[in-house]
Amino acid sequence: MPQNELLIICQLFHPELVSTGQTMTELAEALSAKGVDVEVWCGQPTINRDLGRLASQTSHAGIRIRRLRGTRFPKLNTPGRVVNQLTFAGSVLTNMVLRRPRRPLLVLTNPPFIAPICALNRLL
């Protein structure tokens, strides 16, 4: 397996530039600039709702972005945020099973259910 590939799984990513989304976007941009083939699985924007629904597959700064399905309730609404996290985690699980990615993973534990899903997928 080539060492210059990386799959980042996190719920928030460009253009959702708040804390987690901004940090992961900057990391992916820096790695891509160094020649790493970066792919990101993330959700649709939930904070900047003015963006509307973005395309399910896009790119940014040489990074391939796959936006997984999930709900888009306002993040400041606790029940909505939990539903968003659960639906995103379900989409991650579905994509891990169907796509069986083999590149190294960087999994952000936001939502907290994603890391065990990815770990179990690697064991199977």
Protein backbone atom coordinates (compact mmCIF):
# COMPACT_ATOMS: atom_id res chain seq x y z
CA MET A 1 0.00 0.00 0.00
CA PRO A 2 1.51 3.36 -1.01
CA GLN A 3 2.40 5.60 1.92
CA ASN A 4 1.41 8.78 0.13
CA GLU A 5 -2.35 8.19 0.45
CA LEU A 6 -4.69 9.15 3.26
CA LEU A 7 -8.42 8.95 3.90
CA ILE A 8 -9.69 11.48 6.43
CA ILE A 9 -13.09 10.83 7.97
CA CYS A 10 -14.64 13.75 9.84
CA GLN A 11 -18.10 15.25 9.91
CA LEU A 12 -17.02 18.86 9.31
CA PHE A 13 -14.81 19.95 6.43
CA HIS A 14 -14.38 22.79 3.92
CA PRO A 15 -16.29 25.08 3.48
CA GLU A 16 -17.54 24.55 7.05
CA LEU A 17 -14.67 26.52 8.58
CA VAL A 18 -15.32 26.35 12.30
CA SER A 19 -12.90 24.70 14.74
CA THR A 20 -12.87 21.05 13.64
CA GLY A 21 -13.70 21.77 10.02
CA GLN A 22 -11.02 24.43 9.72
CA THR A 23 -8.36 22.33 11.43
CA MET A 24 -9.03 19.28 9.25
CA THR A 25 -9.18 21.41 6.11
CA GLU A 26 -5.82 23.04 6.89
CA LEU A 27 -4.25 19.65 7.66
CA ALA A 28 -5.57 18.13 4.43
CA GLU A 29 -4.39 21.15 2.40
CA ALA A 30 -0.89 20.92 3.91
CA LEU A 31 -0.65 17.17 3.26
CA SER A 32 -1.94 17.58 -0.30
CA ALA A 33 0.64 20.33 -0.92
CA LYS A 34 3.33 17.84 0.19
CA GLY A 35 2.17 15.32 -2.42
CA VAL A 36 -0.12 13.14 -0.31
CA ASP A 37 -3.18 11.85 -2.17
CA VAL A 38 -5.88 12.98 0.29
CA GLU A 39 -9.49 11.89 0.20
CA VAL A 40 -12.04 13.15 2.74
CA TRP A 41 -15.36 11.69 3.76
CA CYS A 42 -17.45 14.33 5.50
CA GLY A 43 -21.01 15.51 5.93
CA GLN A 44 -23.00 18.33 4.42
CA PRO A 45 -22.62 21.77 6.03
CA THR A 46 -24.76 22.17 9.14
CA ILE A 47 -23.49 25.49 10.48
CA ASN A 48 -23.31 27.60 7.32
CA ARG A 49 -26.73 26.58 6.03
CA ASP A 50 -26.64 29.38 3.44
CA LEU A 51 -24.42 27.07 1.37
CA GLY A 52 -27.32 24.70 0.80
CA ARG A 53 -26.60 21.09 -0.13
CA LEU A 54 -23.23 20.69 -1.79
CA ALA A 55 -22.40 18.14 -4.47
CA SER A 56 -21.76 14.65 -3.12
CA GLN A 57 -18.33 14.57 -4.80
CA THR A 58 -16.16 17.65 -5.13
CA SER A 59 -12.58 18.72 -4.72
CA HIS A 60 -10.75 21.50 -2.94
CA ALA A 61 -7.03 22.30 -3.20
CA GLY A 62 -6.31 18.90 -4.75
CA ILE A 63 -8.31 17.04 -2.08
CA ARG A 64 -11.10 14.69 -3.17
CA ILE A 65 -14.18 15.28 -1.02
CA ARG A 66 -17.02 12.79 -0.70
CA ARG A 67 -19.99 14.22 1.20
CA LEU A 68 -21.87 11.40 2.87
CA ARG A 69 -25.60 11.41 3.47
CA GLY A 70 -26.96 12.60 6.78
CA THR A 71 -29.35 15.00 8.40
CA ARG A 72 -28.62 18.72 8.62
CA PHE A 73 -30.28 19.90 11.80
CA PRO A 74 -28.81 23.06 13.37
CA LYS A 75 -25.69 22.18 15.37
CA LEU A 76 -26.76 24.34 18.33
CA ASN A 77 -29.86 22.16 18.84
CA THR A 78 -28.67 19.23 21.02
CA PRO A 79 -31.18 16.61 19.81
CA GLY A 80 -30.57 17.70 16.21
CA ARG A 81 -26.81 17.48 16.67
CA VAL A 82 -27.13 13.93 18.05
CA VAL A 83 -29.32 12.90 15.10
CA ASN A 84 -26.77 14.49 12.71
CA GLN A 85 -23.98 12.51 14.37
CA LEU A 86 -25.92 9.24 14.26
CA THR A 87 -26.89 9.60 10.60
CA PHE A 88 -23.33 10.55 9.64
CA ALA A 89 -21.95 7.57 11.58
CA GLY A 90 -24.46 5.32 9.77
CA SER A 91 -23.26 6.70 6.43
CA VAL A 92 -19.65 6.08 7.41
CA LEU A 93 -20.49 2.49 8.34
CA THR A 94 -22.33 1.94 5.05
CA ASN A 95 -19.47 3.40 3.01
CA MET A 96 -16.84 1.44 4.94
CA VAL A 97 -18.70 -1.80 4.21
CA LEU A 98 -19.46 -1.03 0.56
CA ARG A 99 -16.21 0.68 -0.45
CA ARG A 100 -13.76 -1.20 1.82
CA PRO A 101 -11.09 1.55 1.70
CA ARG A 102 -7.53 0.25 2.11
CA ARG A 103 -5.62 3.50 2.38
CA PRO A 104 -4.44 4.69 5.81
CA LEU A 105 -7.20 6.34 7.83
CA LEU A 106 -7.25 9.47 9.94
CA VAL A 107 -10.51 9.34 11.84
CA LEU A 108 -11.67 12.29 13.87
CA THR A 109 -13.82 11.14 16.75
CA ASN A 110 -16.46 13.70 16.01
CA PRO A 111 -18.99 12.12 16.18
CA PRO A 112 -17.59 9.71 18.77
CA PHE A 113 -19.10 6.60 17.15
CA ILE A 114 -16.91 6.73 14.02
CA ALA A 115 -13.61 5.39 15.40
CA PRO A 116 -15.01 2.02 16.53
CA ILE A 117 -16.83 1.61 13.19
CA CYS A 118 -13.58 2.15 11.27
CA ALA A 119 -11.60 -0.11 13.60
CA LEU A 120 -14.11 -2.95 13.24
CA ASN A 121 -14.09 -2.59 9.48
CA ARG A 122 -10.29 -3.00 9.42
CA LEU A 123 -10.54 -6.18 11.49
CA LEU A 124 -13.09 -7.83 9.20
